[in-house]
């Protein structure tokens, strides 16, 4: 289970005195715990992955803001943190996987216009469930495909 693995990695990081890794692991554990408190029950594996994906998305937004502000040092620290979080998530879906899911979703829904984008997105994301995927990238592909 992911939470047990995170706890084990925290112990290892403490022994090795890996400060950055330790702080990221603690942040991950806290985010998952906070989500459990909100739900009032333990999280399933997929929900834990969703929490970590949210942390990655927030980190990427921070990197963008740091680079705009000329703070490359903080941006590189965020990138290192994202690298630690990504170790706990499945491999990201590739371009071909996303394209195939979008095509299948369009065929499944029979969508022909951008007004039907919501239904296509829902079907495409369902096909990509269990893999790490950027919703923005899927959205752009759906929009491009429906505007042809």
N, C-alpha and C. Protein backbone atom coordinates (compact mmCIF):
# COMPACT_ATOMS: atom_id res chain seq x y z
N UNK A 1 0.84 -1.18 0.00
CA UNK A 1 0.00 0.00 0.00
C UNK A 1 0.89 1.25 0.00
N UNK A 2 0.43 2.27 -0.66
CA UNK A 2 1.23 3.48 -0.85
C UNK A 2 1.60 4.14 0.48
N UNK A 3 0.66 4.22 1.40
CA UNK A 3 0.95 4.90 2.66
C UNK A 3 2.02 4.17 3.46
N UNK A 4 2.00 2.85 3.40
CA UNK A 4 3.04 2.08 4.10
C UNK A 4 4.40 2.31 3.45
N UNK A 5 4.40 2.38 2.13
CA UNK A 5 5.65 2.62 1.41
C UNK A 5 6.19 4.02 1.74
N UNK A 6 5.32 5.01 1.81
CA UNK A 6 5.75 6.36 2.17
C UNK A 6 6.36 6.36 3.57
N UNK A 7 5.71 5.69 4.51
CA UNK A 7 6.22 5.63 5.88
C UNK A 7 7.58 4.96 5.93
N UNK A 8 7.74 3.88 5.17
CA UNK A 8 9.02 3.19 5.10
C UNK A 8 10.10 4.11 4.52
N UNK A 9 9.76 4.83 3.47
CA UNK A 9 10.71 5.75 2.84
C UNK A 9 11.08 6.91 3.78
N UNK A 10 10.14 7.33 4.61
CA UNK A 10 10.43 8.38 5.60
C UNK A 10 11.51 7.87 6.55
N UNK A 11 11.36 6.65 7.03
CA UNK A 11 12.34 6.07 7.95
C UNK A 11 13.71 5.97 7.28
N UNK A 12 13.72 5.50 6.03
CA UNK A 12 14.99 5.39 5.29
C UNK A 12 15.64 6.76 5.10
N UNK A 13 14.83 7.75 4.76
CA UNK A 13 15.37 9.10 4.54
C UNK A 13 15.93 9.69 5.82
N UNK A 14 15.31 9.37 6.94
CA UNK A 14 15.81 9.85 8.22
C UNK A 14 17.17 9.23 8.51
N UNK A 15 17.29 7.92 8.23
CA UNK A 15 18.57 7.25 8.45
C UNK A 15 19.67 7.81 7.57
N UNK A 16 19.32 8.09 6.33
CA UNK A 16 20.30 8.58 5.35
C UNK A 16 20.51 10.09 5.42
N UNK A 17 19.71 10.76 6.25
CA UNK A 17 19.78 12.21 6.41
C UNK A 17 19.55 12.94 5.08
N UNK A 18 18.59 12.43 4.31
CA UNK A 18 18.22 13.04 3.03
C UNK A 18 17.11 14.06 3.31
N UNK A 19 17.52 15.29 3.58
CA UNK A 19 16.59 16.32 4.04
C UNK A 19 15.48 16.64 3.04
N UNK A 20 15.84 16.89 1.77
CA UNK A 20 14.83 17.24 0.77
C UNK A 20 13.82 16.11 0.62
N UNK A 21 14.33 14.90 0.45
CA UNK A 21 13.45 13.74 0.28
C UNK A 21 12.54 13.56 1.50
N UNK A 22 13.11 13.72 2.68
CA UNK A 22 12.34 13.58 3.90
C UNK A 22 11.21 14.60 3.97
N UNK A 23 11.51 15.85 3.63
CA UNK A 23 10.47 16.88 3.70
C UNK A 23 9.36 16.62 2.68
N UNK A 24 9.73 16.14 1.49
CA UNK A 24 8.72 15.83 0.46
C UNK A 24 7.86 14.66 0.92
N UNK A 25 8.47 13.62 1.46
CA UNK A 25 7.71 12.47 1.93
C UNK A 25 6.75 12.86 3.05
N UNK A 26 7.20 13.71 3.93
CA UNK A 26 6.32 14.17 5.01
C UNK A 26 5.15 14.99 4.45
N UNK A 27 5.45 15.81 3.43
CA UNK A 27 4.40 16.60 2.79
C UNK A 27 3.36 15.66 2.15
N UNK A 28 3.85 14.61 1.49
CA UNK A 28 2.95 13.65 0.85
C UNK A 28 2.07 12.96 1.90
N UNK A 29 2.69 12.52 2.98
CA UNK A 29 1.96 11.83 4.04
C UNK A 29 0.89 12.75 4.63
N UNK A 30 1.25 14.01 4.84
CA UNK A 30 0.31 14.97 5.40
C UNK A 30 -0.85 15.23 4.45
N UNK A 31 -0.56 15.38 3.16
CA UNK A 31 -1.62 15.64 2.18
C UNK A 31 -2.61 14.47 2.14
N UNK A 32 -2.08 13.25 2.17
CA UNK A 32 -2.95 12.07 2.16
C UNK A 32 -3.76 12.01 3.44
N UNK A 33 -3.11 12.27 4.56
CA UNK A 33 -3.81 12.24 5.86
C UNK A 33 -4.91 13.30 5.92
N UNK A 34 -4.62 14.50 5.41
CA UNK A 34 -5.63 15.56 5.39
C UNK A 34 -6.84 15.15 4.56
N UNK A 35 -6.59 14.50 3.43
CA UNK A 35 -7.68 14.04 2.58
C UNK A 35 -8.51 12.97 3.29
N UNK A 36 -7.83 12.11 4.05
CA UNK A 36 -8.55 11.09 4.82
C UNK A 36 -9.44 11.74 5.88
N UNK A 37 -8.95 12.78 6.51
CA UNK A 37 -9.73 13.48 7.53
C UNK A 37 -10.96 14.12 6.87
N UNK A 38 -10.78 14.71 5.69
CA UNK A 38 -11.91 15.31 4.97
C UNK A 38 -12.98 14.26 4.66
N UNK A 39 -12.54 13.09 4.21
CA UNK A 39 -13.46 12.02 3.82
C UNK A 39 -13.98 11.23 5.02
N UNK A 40 -13.27 11.31 6.12
CA UNK A 40 -13.60 10.57 7.34
C UNK A 40 -13.50 9.06 7.16
N UNK A 41 -12.60 8.64 6.26
CA UNK A 41 -12.32 7.21 6.12
C UNK A 41 -10.99 7.06 5.37
N UNK A 42 -10.36 5.90 5.50
CA UNK A 42 -9.07 5.70 4.81
C UNK A 42 -9.23 5.78 3.29
N UNK A 43 -8.18 6.28 2.64
CA UNK A 43 -8.20 6.42 1.19
C UNK A 43 -7.83 5.11 0.51
N UNK A 44 -8.41 4.90 -0.65
CA UNK A 44 -8.02 3.77 -1.47
C UNK A 44 -6.77 4.18 -2.25
N UNK A 45 -6.15 3.22 -2.89
CA UNK A 45 -4.90 3.48 -3.62
C UNK A 45 -5.08 4.54 -4.71
N UNK A 46 -6.18 4.46 -5.46
CA UNK A 46 -6.44 5.42 -6.55
C UNK A 46 -6.61 6.83 -5.99
N UNK A 47 -7.23 6.94 -4.83
CA UNK A 47 -7.42 8.25 -4.21
C UNK A 47 -6.08 8.83 -3.74
N UNK A 48 -5.21 7.98 -3.23
CA UNK A 48 -3.87 8.42 -2.84
C UNK A 48 -3.12 8.94 -4.06
N UNK A 49 -3.24 8.23 -5.18
CA UNK A 49 -2.59 8.67 -6.41
C UNK A 49 -3.14 10.02 -6.85
N UNK A 50 -4.42 10.21 -6.68
CA UNK A 50 -5.04 11.47 -7.06
C UNK A 50 -4.49 12.62 -6.20
N UNK A 51 -4.31 12.38 -4.93
CA UNK A 51 -3.75 13.40 -4.03
C UNK A 51 -2.33 13.76 -4.48
N UNK A 52 -1.52 12.73 -4.80
CA UNK A 52 -0.15 12.99 -5.23
C UNK A 52 -0.12 13.69 -6.59
N UNK A 53 -1.05 13.36 -7.47
CA UNK A 53 -1.13 14.04 -8.76
C UNK A 53 -1.45 15.51 -8.57
N UNK A 54 -2.29 15.81 -7.59
CA UNK A 54 -2.62 17.20 -7.29
C UNK A 54 -1.37 17.93 -6.79
N UNK A 55 -0.58 17.28 -5.96
CA UNK A 55 0.66 17.90 -5.48
C UNK A 55 1.60 18.19 -6.64
N UNK A 56 1.68 17.28 -7.61
CA UNK A 56 2.53 17.50 -8.78
C UNK A 56 2.02 18.69 -9.59
N UNK A 57 0.71 18.74 -9.80
CA UNK A 57 0.13 19.85 -10.57
C UNK A 57 0.41 21.19 -9.87
N UNK A 58 0.26 21.22 -8.56
CA UNK A 58 0.54 22.44 -7.81
C UNK A 58 2.02 22.81 -7.92
N UNK A 59 2.88 21.80 -7.88
CA UNK A 59 4.31 22.04 -8.01
C UNK A 59 4.66 22.62 -9.37
N UNK A 60 4.03 22.10 -10.41
CA UNK A 60 4.30 22.62 -11.76
C UNK A 60 3.83 24.07 -11.90
N UNK A 61 2.70 24.38 -11.28
CA UNK A 61 2.22 25.77 -11.29
C UNK A 61 3.23 26.67 -10.56
N UNK A 62 3.76 26.18 -9.45
CA UNK A 62 4.75 26.95 -8.69
C UNK A 62 6.01 27.17 -9.52
N UNK A 63 6.45 26.13 -10.23
CA UNK A 63 7.64 26.26 -11.06
C UNK A 63 7.45 27.36 -12.10
N UNK A 64 6.29 27.36 -12.72
CA UNK A 64 5.98 28.39 -13.73
C UNK A 64 6.06 29.78 -13.11
N UNK A 65 5.48 29.94 -11.94
CA UNK A 65 5.48 31.24 -11.27
C UNK A 65 6.89 31.65 -10.84
N UNK A 66 7.67 30.69 -10.34
CA UNK A 66 9.04 31.00 -9.92
C UNK A 66 9.88 31.44 -11.11
N UNK A 67 9.69 30.76 -12.24
CA UNK A 67 10.47 31.13 -13.44
C UNK A 67 10.08 32.51 -13.93
N UNK A 68 8.80 32.84 -13.86
CA UNK A 68 8.35 34.18 -14.26
C UNK A 68 8.97 35.23 -13.35
N UNK A 69 9.13 34.87 -12.08
CA UNK A 69 9.69 35.80 -11.10
C UNK A 69 11.21 35.78 -11.05
N UNK A 70 11.84 34.98 -11.90
CA UNK A 70 13.30 34.94 -11.94
C UNK A 70 13.93 34.18 -10.78
N UNK A 71 13.19 33.27 -10.18
CA UNK A 71 13.72 32.50 -9.04
C UNK A 71 14.01 31.07 -9.46
N UNK A 72 15.04 30.90 -10.25
CA UNK A 72 15.41 29.58 -10.76
C UNK A 72 15.77 28.62 -9.62
N UNK A 73 16.33 29.13 -8.53
CA UNK A 73 16.68 28.28 -7.40
C UNK A 73 15.45 27.60 -6.81
N UNK A 74 14.37 28.35 -6.66
CA UNK A 74 13.14 27.77 -6.12
C UNK A 74 12.48 26.83 -7.13
N UNK A 75 12.57 27.18 -8.42
CA UNK A 75 12.01 26.33 -9.46
C UNK A 75 12.71 24.98 -9.49
N UNK A 76 14.04 24.98 -9.37
CA UNK A 76 14.77 23.71 -9.41
C UNK A 76 14.48 22.88 -8.15
N UNK A 77 14.25 23.53 -7.02
CA UNK A 77 13.87 22.80 -5.80
C UNK A 77 12.50 22.13 -5.99
N UNK A 78 11.56 22.85 -6.59
CA UNK A 78 10.23 22.28 -6.86
C UNK A 78 10.34 21.09 -7.81
N UNK A 79 11.21 21.20 -8.82
CA UNK A 79 11.39 20.10 -9.76
C UNK A 79 11.93 18.86 -9.05
N UNK A 80 12.85 19.06 -8.12
CA UNK A 80 13.39 17.94 -7.36
C UNK A 80 12.29 17.31 -6.50
N UNK A 81 11.43 18.13 -5.93
CA UNK A 81 10.32 17.62 -5.12
C UNK A 81 9.35 16.81 -5.98
N UNK A 82 9.06 17.30 -7.17
CA UNK A 82 8.17 16.59 -8.07
C UNK A 82 8.77 15.23 -8.44
N UNK A 83 10.08 15.19 -8.63
CA UNK A 83 10.76 13.94 -8.94
C UNK A 83 10.54 12.89 -7.85
N UNK A 84 10.57 13.31 -6.60
CA UNK A 84 10.34 12.38 -5.49
C UNK A 84 8.88 11.89 -5.51
N UNK A 85 7.95 12.78 -5.71
CA UNK A 85 6.53 12.41 -5.72
C UNK A 85 6.24 11.44 -6.87
N UNK A 86 6.85 11.68 -8.03
CA UNK A 86 6.59 10.84 -9.20
C UNK A 86 7.03 9.39 -9.00
N UNK A 87 7.97 9.15 -8.09
CA UNK A 87 8.40 7.79 -7.80
C UNK A 87 7.25 6.92 -7.29
N UNK A 88 6.26 7.54 -6.70
CA UNK A 88 5.16 6.82 -6.08
C UNK A 88 3.96 6.67 -6.99
N UNK A 89 4.03 7.21 -8.18
CA UNK A 89 2.91 7.15 -9.12
C UNK A 89 3.24 6.25 -10.30
N UNK A 90 2.22 5.70 -10.94
CA UNK A 90 2.48 4.88 -12.13
C UNK A 90 3.08 5.73 -13.24
N UNK A 91 3.65 5.07 -14.23
CA UNK A 91 4.25 5.77 -15.35
C UNK A 91 3.19 6.61 -16.07
N UNK A 92 3.58 7.78 -16.57
CA UNK A 92 2.59 8.61 -17.26
C UNK A 92 2.17 7.98 -18.59
N UNK A 93 0.95 8.30 -19.00
CA UNK A 93 0.45 7.81 -20.29
C UNK A 93 1.21 8.52 -21.40
N UNK A 94 1.59 7.78 -22.41
CA UNK A 94 2.33 8.35 -23.53
C UNK A 94 1.42 9.06 -24.51
N UNK A 95 2.04 9.77 -25.45
CA UNK A 95 1.31 10.50 -26.49
C UNK A 95 0.38 9.56 -27.24
N UNK A 96 0.89 8.39 -27.63
CA UNK A 96 0.10 7.43 -28.40
C UNK A 96 -1.10 6.93 -27.59
N UNK A 97 -0.89 6.72 -26.29
CA UNK A 97 -1.99 6.26 -25.43
C UNK A 97 -3.09 7.32 -25.36
N UNK A 98 -2.68 8.57 -25.22
CA UNK A 98 -3.64 9.66 -25.14
C UNK A 98 -4.40 9.78 -26.46
N UNK A 99 -3.67 9.75 -27.58
CA UNK A 99 -4.31 9.84 -28.90
C UNK A 99 -5.32 8.72 -29.09
N UNK A 100 -4.94 7.51 -28.72
CA UNK A 100 -5.83 6.35 -28.88
C UNK A 100 -7.08 6.50 -28.01
N UNK A 101 -6.90 6.97 -26.78
CA UNK A 101 -8.04 7.15 -25.88
C UNK A 101 -8.99 8.23 -26.40
N UNK A 102 -8.43 9.31 -26.94
CA UNK A 102 -9.26 10.40 -27.49
C UNK A 102 -10.04 9.89 -28.70
N UNK A 103 -9.37 9.18 -29.60
CA UNK A 103 -10.06 8.65 -30.79
C UNK A 103 -11.17 7.69 -30.38
N UNK A 104 -10.88 6.79 -29.44
CA UNK A 104 -11.88 5.83 -28.99
C UNK A 104 -13.05 6.54 -28.31
N UNK A 105 -12.76 7.58 -27.54
CA UNK A 105 -13.81 8.31 -26.85
C UNK A 105 -14.71 9.05 -27.84
N UNK A 106 -14.10 9.60 -28.89
CA UNK A 106 -14.89 10.30 -29.91
C UNK A 106 -15.79 9.30 -30.64
N UNK A 107 -15.23 8.14 -30.97
CA UNK A 107 -16.02 7.12 -31.64
C UNK A 107 -17.14 6.62 -30.73
N UNK A 108 -16.84 6.45 -29.46
CA UNK A 108 -17.81 5.94 -28.50
C UNK A 108 -18.97 6.92 -28.30
N UNK A 109 -18.65 8.21 -28.21
CA UNK A 109 -19.68 9.22 -27.94
C UNK A 109 -20.33 9.74 -29.21
N UNK A 110 -19.69 9.53 -30.35
CA UNK A 110 -20.23 10.04 -31.62
C UNK A 110 -20.15 11.55 -31.72
N UNK A 111 -19.23 12.15 -30.97
CA UNK A 111 -19.09 13.60 -30.94
C UNK A 111 -18.55 14.13 -32.26
N UNK A 112 -19.09 15.29 -32.67
CA UNK A 112 -18.62 15.93 -33.90
C UNK A 112 -18.31 17.41 -33.71
N UNK A 113 -18.79 17.99 -32.63
CA UNK A 113 -18.55 19.42 -32.40
C UNK A 113 -17.92 19.65 -31.03
N UNK A 114 -17.37 20.85 -30.87
CA UNK A 114 -16.72 21.21 -29.61
C UNK A 114 -17.73 21.28 -28.46
N UNK A 115 -19.00 21.42 -28.76
CA UNK A 115 -20.02 21.46 -27.71
C UNK A 115 -20.12 20.13 -26.97
N UNK A 116 -19.67 19.06 -27.61
CA UNK A 116 -19.74 17.73 -27.01
C UNK A 116 -18.42 17.36 -26.32
N UNK A 117 -17.57 18.34 -26.11
CA UNK A 117 -16.24 18.10 -25.55
C UNK A 117 -16.30 17.46 -24.16
N UNK A 118 -17.24 17.86 -23.35
CA UNK A 118 -17.36 17.33 -21.99
C UNK A 118 -17.55 15.82 -21.98
N UNK A 119 -18.43 15.34 -22.83
CA UNK A 119 -18.69 13.90 -22.90
C UNK A 119 -17.45 13.15 -23.38
N UNK A 120 -16.76 13.73 -24.36
CA UNK A 120 -15.55 13.09 -24.89
C UNK A 120 -14.46 13.07 -23.82
N UNK A 121 -14.31 14.17 -23.10
CA UNK A 121 -13.29 14.23 -22.03
C UNK A 121 -13.57 13.16 -20.97
N UNK A 122 -14.83 13.04 -20.58
CA UNK A 122 -15.19 12.07 -19.55
C UNK A 122 -14.84 10.65 -20.01
N UNK A 123 -15.18 10.34 -21.26
CA UNK A 123 -14.90 9.00 -21.80
C UNK A 123 -13.39 8.77 -21.94
N UNK A 124 -12.67 9.79 -22.41
CA UNK A 124 -11.22 9.65 -22.61
C UNK A 124 -10.51 9.47 -21.26
N UNK A 125 -10.88 10.26 -20.27
CA UNK A 125 -10.24 10.14 -18.95
C UNK A 125 -10.57 8.80 -18.30
N UNK A 126 -11.77 8.27 -18.57
CA UNK A 126 -12.12 6.96 -18.04
C UNK A 126 -11.23 5.88 -18.66
N UNK A 127 -10.92 6.03 -19.95
CA UNK A 127 -10.06 5.07 -20.63
C UNK A 127 -8.62 5.15 -20.11
N UNK A 128 -8.22 6.32 -19.64
CA UNK A 128 -6.85 6.52 -19.16
C UNK A 128 -6.75 6.33 -17.64
N UNK A 129 -7.82 5.90 -17.01
CA UNK A 129 -7.82 5.71 -15.55
C UNK A 129 -6.74 4.71 -15.16
N UNK A 130 -6.11 4.97 -14.04
CA UNK A 130 -5.06 4.08 -13.54
C UNK A 130 -3.68 4.48 -14.02
N UNK A 131 -3.63 5.39 -14.97
CA UNK A 131 -2.34 5.91 -15.45
C UNK A 131 -2.30 7.39 -15.18
N UNK A 132 -1.10 7.91 -15.00
CA UNK A 132 -0.93 9.33 -14.76
C UNK A 132 -1.06 10.06 -16.08
N UNK A 133 -1.96 11.03 -16.13
CA UNK A 133 -2.18 11.78 -17.36
C UNK A 133 -2.53 13.22 -17.02
N UNK A 134 -2.03 14.13 -17.84
CA UNK A 134 -2.31 15.55 -17.67
C UNK A 134 -3.62 15.87 -18.36
N UNK A 135 -4.62 16.27 -17.58
CA UNK A 135 -5.93 16.57 -18.13
C UNK A 135 -5.89 17.68 -19.16
N UNK A 136 -4.97 18.63 -18.98
CA UNK A 136 -4.84 19.74 -19.92
C UNK A 136 -4.40 19.23 -21.29
N UNK A 137 -3.47 18.28 -21.31
CA UNK A 137 -3.00 17.72 -22.59
C UNK A 137 -4.13 16.97 -23.29
N UNK A 138 -4.92 16.22 -22.53
CA UNK A 138 -6.04 15.50 -23.11
C UNK A 138 -7.06 16.49 -23.66
N UNK A 139 -7.33 17.53 -22.90
CA UNK A 139 -8.29 18.56 -23.32
C UNK A 139 -7.85 19.21 -24.63
N UNK A 140 -6.57 19.53 -24.74
CA UNK A 140 -6.07 20.15 -25.97
C UNK A 140 -6.23 19.21 -27.16
N UNK A 141 -5.95 17.93 -26.96
CA UNK A 141 -6.09 16.96 -28.05
C UNK A 141 -7.55 16.80 -28.47
N UNK A 142 -8.45 16.76 -27.48
CA UNK A 142 -9.88 16.64 -27.79
C UNK A 142 -10.34 17.87 -28.55
N UNK A 143 -9.96 19.05 -28.07
CA UNK A 143 -10.35 20.29 -28.73
C UNK A 143 -9.85 20.33 -30.18
N UNK A 144 -8.58 19.98 -30.37
CA UNK A 144 -7.99 19.98 -31.71
C UNK A 144 -8.71 18.98 -32.62
N UNK A 145 -9.00 17.81 -32.08
CA UNK A 145 -9.65 16.76 -32.88
C UNK A 145 -11.08 17.15 -33.25
N UNK A 146 -11.82 17.76 -32.31
CA UNK A 146 -13.22 18.12 -32.59
C UNK A 146 -13.34 19.37 -33.48
N UNK A 147 -12.28 20.15 -33.57
CA UNK A 147 -12.36 21.36 -34.38
C UNK A 147 -11.94 21.10 -35.83
N UNK A 148 -11.59 19.87 -36.13
CA UNK A 148 -11.17 19.55 -37.52
C UNK A 148 -12.36 19.52 -38.45
